[in-house]
Amino acid sequence: MIEYVPMQRQHIEGLVEVEKQCFNSGFAEKTFEKELENKIAAYTVAVENGKVLGYGGLWNMCGVADIMDVAVHSDYRRMGIAQRILEKLIEHCKNEKISEINLEVRTSNFAAQSLYKKMGFEVVGQRPNYYENRETAILMKKIITEES
């Protein structure tokens, strides 16, 4: 059974593995360790039998959340894990009285865009040449309400 839990130190090795597999960004253990200490950060980790399958994190900046990452290992995609992680992050926002969530997503990441739209995010703009390969980022926002 997959559990969705707040990030803890014991998850870091698995988080680094998922990060490398999904983004090849080279997030180091120290990056996740710093996020554990970061007072404005909140991360949800999908775990099954001690194995990290995916994670999502946000920063709460003065009542507005910015999603930092949502990542699911390729062996576990299309199982609803990313959606469940987003649901947990949205629940966290409601509990913290956060009024909106912002994120950016690659123009080429159609699966993520579809999921975000399904979860109530709307396109609000673009950032041309945002990523290291000069790909444009699509900016999306979700207003948090009791019903959302």
Protein backbone atom coordinates (compact mmCIF):
# COMPACT_ATOMS: atom_id res chain seq x y z
CA MET A 1 0.00 0.00 0.00
CA ILE A 2 1.31 3.44 -0.94
CA GLU A 3 1.52 5.94 1.90
CA TYR A 4 1.73 9.72 1.50
CA VAL A 5 3.78 11.19 4.31
CA PRO A 6 5.70 14.36 5.15
CA MET A 7 9.34 14.23 4.05
CA GLN A 8 11.74 12.88 6.65
CA ARG A 9 15.50 12.37 6.73
CA GLN A 10 15.09 8.64 6.02
CA HIS A 11 13.56 9.49 2.60
CA ILE A 12 16.49 11.55 1.31
CA GLU A 13 18.36 8.78 -0.51
CA GLY A 14 15.17 7.79 -2.36
CA LEU A 15 14.34 11.43 -3.11
CA VAL A 16 17.75 11.93 -4.71
CA GLU A 17 17.21 8.80 -6.82
CA VAL A 18 13.78 10.01 -8.04
CA GLU A 19 15.12 13.51 -8.68
CA LYS A 20 18.00 12.21 -10.82
CA GLN A 21 15.72 9.86 -12.74
CA CYS A 22 13.06 12.49 -13.44
CA PHE A 23 14.99 15.71 -13.86
CA ASN A 24 18.68 14.79 -14.08
CA SER A 25 19.22 18.00 -12.13
CA GLY A 26 21.82 16.71 -9.72
CA PHE A 27 19.89 17.63 -6.59
CA ALA A 28 22.21 16.52 -3.84
CA GLU A 29 21.35 15.08 -0.47
CA LYS A 30 22.29 18.45 1.03
CA THR A 31 19.54 20.16 -0.97
CA PHE A 32 16.87 17.92 0.54
CA GLU A 33 18.48 18.19 3.98
CA LYS A 34 18.18 21.98 3.73
CA GLU A 35 14.53 21.63 2.73
CA LEU A 36 13.90 19.63 5.92
CA GLU A 37 15.14 22.66 7.88
CA ASN A 38 13.40 25.21 5.66
CA LYS A 39 10.50 26.67 7.67
CA ILE A 40 8.54 27.64 4.53
CA ALA A 41 8.92 24.26 2.79
CA ALA A 42 6.44 21.37 2.87
CA TYR A 43 7.06 18.10 1.05
CA THR A 44 4.88 15.02 0.61
CA VAL A 45 6.55 11.71 -0.20
CA ALA A 46 4.89 8.65 -1.75
CA VAL A 47 6.37 5.57 -0.09
CA GLU A 48 5.66 1.86 -0.50
CA ASN A 49 7.44 -0.66 1.71
CA GLY A 50 10.11 1.93 2.50
CA LYS A 51 10.78 2.77 -1.18
CA VAL A 52 10.30 6.36 -2.33
CA LEU A 53 8.09 6.34 -5.45
CA GLY A 54 7.65 10.09 -5.82
CA TYR A 55 7.41 13.40 -4.04
CA GLY A 56 6.12 16.93 -4.29
CA GLY A 57 7.11 20.05 -2.47
CA LEU A 58 6.13 23.66 -2.08
CA TRP A 59 7.24 26.84 -0.40
CA ASN A 60 4.74 28.97 1.50
CA MET A 61 5.72 32.56 0.85
CA CYS A 62 3.43 34.92 2.75
CA GLY A 63 0.27 32.92 2.14
CA VAL A 64 1.03 32.01 -1.48
CA ALA A 65 2.52 28.61 -2.32
CA ASP A 66 5.02 27.94 -5.08
CA ILE A 67 5.31 24.30 -6.08
CA MET A 68 8.99 23.46 -6.31
CA ASP A 69 8.73 19.96 -7.80
CA VAL A 70 6.39 17.07 -8.37
CA ALA A 71 8.22 13.93 -9.44
CA VAL A 72 7.27 10.26 -9.77
CA HIS A 73 9.75 7.56 -10.71
CA SER A 74 9.04 6.38 -14.27
CA ASP A 75 8.36 2.81 -13.07
CA TYR A 76 5.39 4.10 -11.04
CA ARG A 77 3.76 6.62 -13.36
CA ARG A 78 0.13 6.46 -14.47
CA MET A 79 -0.90 5.04 -11.09
CA GLY A 80 -2.38 8.27 -9.69
CA ILE A 81 0.62 8.98 -7.47
CA ALA A 82 1.26 12.52 -8.74
CA GLN A 83 -2.42 13.37 -8.36
CA ARG A 84 -2.46 12.08 -4.79
CA ILE A 85 0.70 14.05 -3.97
CA LEU A 86 -0.94 17.21 -5.35
CA GLU A 87 -4.08 16.50 -3.31
CA LYS A 88 -1.92 16.28 -0.18
CA LEU A 89 -0.16 19.55 -1.04
CA ILE A 90 -3.51 21.27 -1.63
CA GLU A 91 -4.77 19.89 1.69
CA HIS A 92 -1.66 21.33 3.36
CA CYS A 93 -2.41 24.71 1.76
CA LYS A 94 -5.96 24.67 3.09
CA ASN A 95 -4.73 23.81 6.59
CA GLU A 96 -2.19 26.65 6.44
CA LYS A 97 -4.73 29.16 5.05
CA ILE A 98 -2.72 29.55 1.84
CA SER A 99 -4.81 31.40 -0.74
CA GLU A 100 -3.20 30.29 -4.00
CA ILE A 101 -0.67 27.89 -5.51
CA ASN A 102 1.64 28.78 -8.38
CA LEU A 103 3.86 26.58 -10.51
CA GLU A 104 5.70 26.46 -13.78
CA VAL A 105 5.79 23.51 -16.16
CA ARG A 106 7.69 22.83 -19.37
CA THR A 107 5.75 23.43 -22.59
CA SER A 108 6.74 19.89 -23.63
CA ASN A 109 5.37 18.23 -20.46
CA PHE A 110 1.84 17.57 -21.69
CA ALA A 111 1.11 14.90 -19.05
CA ALA A 112 1.87 17.31 -16.19
CA GLN A 113 -0.10 20.12 -17.83
CA SER A 114 -3.09 17.82 -18.18
CA LEU A 115 -2.89 16.75 -14.54
CA TYR A 116 -2.56 20.33 -13.31
CA LYS A 117 -5.59 21.40 -15.36
CA LYS A 118 -7.54 18.43 -14.00
CA MET A 119 -6.59 19.59 -10.48
CA GLY A 120 -7.97 23.09 -11.13
CA PHE A 121 -4.84 24.99 -12.18
CA GLU A 122 -5.22 27.59 -14.92
CA VAL A 123 -2.63 28.95 -17.31
CA VAL A 124 -1.74 32.54 -16.38
CA GLY A 125 1.36 33.24 -18.45
CA GLN A 126 4.69 32.08 -19.81
CA ARG A 127 8.39 32.51 -19.14
CA PRO A 128 10.26 32.22 -22.45
CA ASN A 129 13.69 30.54 -22.35
CA TYR A 130 13.15 29.65 -18.68
CA TYR A 131 14.81 26.23 -18.59
CA GLU A 132 18.45 25.39 -19.24
CA ASN A 133 17.60 24.19 -22.77
CA ARG A 134 15.80 27.52 -23.43
CA GLU A 135 12.39 25.84 -23.27
CA THR A 136 9.48 28.05 -22.28
CA ALA A 137 7.78 27.58 -18.91
CA ILE A 138 4.01 27.73 -18.69
CA LEU A 139 2.87 29.52 -15.52
CA MET A 140 -0.16 28.06 -13.79
CA LYS A 141 -2.18 29.10 -10.75
CA LYS A 142 -4.85 27.58 -8.54
CA ILE A 143 -6.92 29.68 -6.15
CA ILE A 144 -7.60 27.75 -2.95
CA THR A 145 -11.22 27.59 -1.85
CA GLU A 146 -13.08 25.31 0.53
CA GLU A 147 -14.40 23.38 -2.47
CA SER A 148 -11.07 22.99 -4.29
